[in-house]
Amino acid sequence: MLTCKQFLRELNAYLEKTLDPQELAELHRHVSECPNCFVVCDTTEKTLRVFKGMECQPVPQGIQARLMTAIEKRMKEKGKCGCSGEATQH
């Protein structure tokens, strides 16, 4: 019997149908029987459909700078960043 944790680990492969038929059938059986995993799977599938149909938009410069500053600050606090703490352009 497949657990919810196992199903969630394979959710991407399930949605992209990159597993062999037996694995797909097992995951399909689980999602058909488990209301929680059904909701997660259905919502993820719908979200992916919406985003795949959208055109990429650039992040406004001011927001990008604030985001990079926040990320660098957080990484520095955790001791994992060797940067100066200033926002950089990527």
C-alpha atoms as a PDB file:
ATOM      1  CA  MET A   1       0.000   0.000   0.000  1.00  0.00           C
ATOM      2  CA  LEU A   2       1.366   3.395  -1.022  1.00  0.00           C
ATOM      3  CA  THR A   3       1.607   6.122   1.622  1.00  0.00           C
ATOM      4  CA  CYS A   4       0.762   9.788   1.063  1.00  0.00           C
ATOM      5  CA  LYS A   5       4.423  10.663   1.583  1.00  0.00           C
ATOM      6  CA  GLN A   6       5.454   8.229  -1.159  1.00  0.00           C
ATOM      7  CA  PHE A   7       2.771   9.604  -3.468  1.00  0.00           C
ATOM      8  CA  LEU A   8       3.919  13.190  -2.912  1.00  0.00           C
ATOM      9  CA  ARG A   9       7.517  12.190  -3.646  1.00  0.00           C
ATOM     10  CA  GLU A  10       6.384  10.896  -7.036  1.00  0.00           C
ATOM     11  CA  LEU A  11       3.797  13.614  -7.774  1.00  0.00           C
ATOM     12  CA  ASN A  12       5.872  15.321 -10.454  1.00  0.00           C
ATOM     13  CA  ALA A  13       6.601  12.068 -12.274  1.00  0.00           C
ATOM     14  CA  TYR A  14       2.936  11.095 -11.935  1.00  0.00           C
ATOM     15  CA  LEU A  15       1.718  14.350 -13.472  1.00  0.00           C
ATOM     16  CA  GLU A  16       4.292  14.154 -16.275  1.00  0.00           C
ATOM     17  CA  LYS A  17       3.540  10.444 -16.763  1.00  0.00           C
ATOM     18  CA  THR A  18       7.227   9.540 -16.830  1.00  0.00           C
ATOM     19  CA  LEU A  19       6.841   6.370 -14.759  1.00  0.00           C
ATOM     20  CA  ASP A  20       6.272   2.873 -16.032  1.00  0.00           C
ATOM     21  CA  PRO A  21       2.620   1.784 -16.398  1.00  0.00           C
ATOM     22  CA  GLN A  22       2.620  -0.271 -13.172  1.00  0.00           C
ATOM     23  CA  GLU A  23       3.906   2.658 -11.078  1.00  0.00           C
ATOM     24  CA  LEU A  24       1.430   5.035 -12.732  1.00  0.00           C
ATOM     25  CA  ALA A  25      -1.411   2.629 -11.959  1.00  0.00           C
ATOM     26  CA  GLU A  26      -0.340   2.348  -8.311  1.00  0.00           C
ATOM     27  CA  LEU A  27      -0.139   6.142  -7.934  1.00  0.00           C
ATOM     28  CA  HIS A  28      -3.466   6.570  -9.735  1.00  0.00           C
ATOM     29  CA  ARG A  29      -5.080   4.063  -7.404  1.00  0.00           C
ATOM     30  CA  HIS A  30      -3.755   5.969  -4.377  1.00  0.00           C
ATOM     31  CA  VAL A  31      -4.912   9.378  -5.629  1.00  0.00           C
ATOM     32  CA  SER A  32      -8.318   7.879  -6.451  1.00  0.00           C
ATOM     33  CA  GLU A  33      -8.719   6.535  -2.929  1.00  0.00           C
ATOM     34  CA  CYS A  34      -7.116   9.331  -0.893  1.00  0.00           C
ATOM     35  CA  PRO A  35      -9.072  12.602  -0.766  1.00  0.00           C
ATOM     36  CA  ASN A  36      -6.103  14.595   0.568  1.00  0.00           C
ATOM     37  CA  CYS A  37      -3.738  13.489  -2.185  1.00  0.00           C
ATOM     38  CA  PHE A  38      -6.493  14.004  -4.745  1.00  0.00           C
ATOM     39  CA  VAL A  39      -6.811  17.659  -3.696  1.00  0.00           C
ATOM     40  CA  VAL A  40      -3.033  18.183  -3.793  1.00  0.00           C
ATOM     41  CA  CYS A  41      -2.724  16.464  -7.171  1.00  0.00           C
ATOM     42  CA  ASP A  42      -5.722  18.235  -8.717  1.00  0.00           C
ATOM     43  CA  THR A  43      -4.649  21.665  -7.453  1.00  0.00           C
ATOM     44  CA  THR A  44      -1.065  21.144  -8.624  1.00  0.00           C
ATOM     45  CA  GLU A  45      -2.215  19.983 -12.043  1.00  0.00           C
ATOM     46  CA  LYS A  46      -4.525  22.989 -12.468  1.00  0.00           C
ATOM     47  CA  THR A  47      -1.819  25.393 -11.271  1.00  0.00           C
ATOM     48  CA  LEU A  48       0.690  23.969 -13.745  1.00  0.00           C
ATOM     49  CA  ARG A  49      -1.816  24.319 -16.590  1.00  0.00           C
ATOM     50  CA  VAL A  50      -2.361  27.992 -15.730  1.00  0.00           C
ATOM     51  CA  PHE A  51       1.347  28.797 -15.447  1.00  0.00           C
ATOM     52  CA  LYS A  52       2.352  26.868 -18.564  1.00  0.00           C
ATOM     53  CA  GLY A  53       0.008  29.064 -20.563  1.00  0.00           C
ATOM     54  CA  MET A  54       1.476  32.294 -19.225  1.00  0.00           C
ATOM     55  CA  GLU A  55       4.229  34.344 -20.780  1.00  0.00           C
ATOM     56  CA  CYS A  56       7.269  34.997 -18.599  1.00  0.00           C
ATOM     57  CA  GLN A  57       7.418  38.489 -17.193  1.00  0.00           C
ATOM     58  CA  PRO A  58      10.532  40.252 -15.930  1.00  0.00           C
ATOM     59  CA  VAL A  59      10.698  41.065 -12.228  1.00  0.00           C
ATOM     60  CA  PRO A  60      10.631  44.863 -11.748  1.00  0.00           C
ATOM     61  CA  GLN A  61      14.107  46.182 -10.899  1.00  0.00           C
ATOM     62  CA  GLY A  62      13.141  47.574  -7.466  1.00  0.00           C
ATOM     63  CA  ILE A  63      11.561  44.307  -6.394  1.00  0.00           C
ATOM     64  CA  GLN A  64      14.492  42.283  -7.717  1.00  0.00           C
ATOM     65  CA  ALA A  65      16.955  44.398  -5.733  1.00  0.00           C
ATOM     66  CA  ARG A  66      14.907  44.075  -2.518  1.00  0.00           C
ATOM     67  CA  LEU A  67      14.536  40.345  -3.020  1.00  0.00           C
ATOM     68  CA  MET A  68      18.251  39.813  -3.595  1.00  0.00           C
ATOM     69  CA  THR A  69      19.084  41.922  -0.527  1.00  0.00           C
ATOM     70  CA  ALA A  70      16.680  39.887   1.606  1.00  0.00           C
ATOM     71  CA  ILE A  71      18.081  36.586   0.318  1.00  0.00           C
ATOM     72  CA  GLU A  72      21.668  37.668   0.873  1.00  0.00           C
ATOM     73  CA  LYS A  73      20.826  38.899   4.382  1.00  0.00           C
ATOM     74  CA  ARG A  74      19.162  35.579   5.248  1.00  0.00           C
ATOM     75  CA  MET A  75      22.070  33.573   3.861  1.00  0.00           C
ATOM     76  CA  LYS A  76      24.566  35.725   5.743  1.00  0.00           C
ATOM     77  CA  GLU A  77      22.628  35.210   8.987  1.00  0.00           C
ATOM     78  CA  LYS A  78      22.887  31.476   8.438  1.00  0.00           C
ATOM     79  CA  GLY A  79      26.602  31.797   7.692  1.00  0.00           C
ATOM     80  CA  LYS A  80      26.318  30.374   4.186  1.00  0.00           C
ATOM     81  CA  CYS A  81      27.003  33.413   2.059  1.00  0.00           C
ATOM     82  CA  GLY A  82      30.357  34.921   1.260  1.00  0.00           C
ATOM     83  CA  CYS A  83      28.833  37.991  -0.387  1.00  0.00           C
ATOM     84  CA  SER A  84      28.990  41.595   0.744  1.00  0.00           C
ATOM     85  CA  GLY A  85      25.255  41.824   1.465  1.00  0.00           C
ATOM     86  CA  GLU A  86      24.617  44.218  -1.429  1.00  0.00           C
ATOM     87  CA  ALA A  87      22.038  43.331  -4.048  1.00  0.00           C
ATOM     88  CA  THR A  88      23.586  42.199  -7.295  1.00  0.00           C
ATOM     89  CA  GLN A  89      22.241  42.066 -10.828  1.00  0.00           C
ATOM     90  CA  HIS A  90      21.775  38.536 -12.259  1.00  0.00           C
END
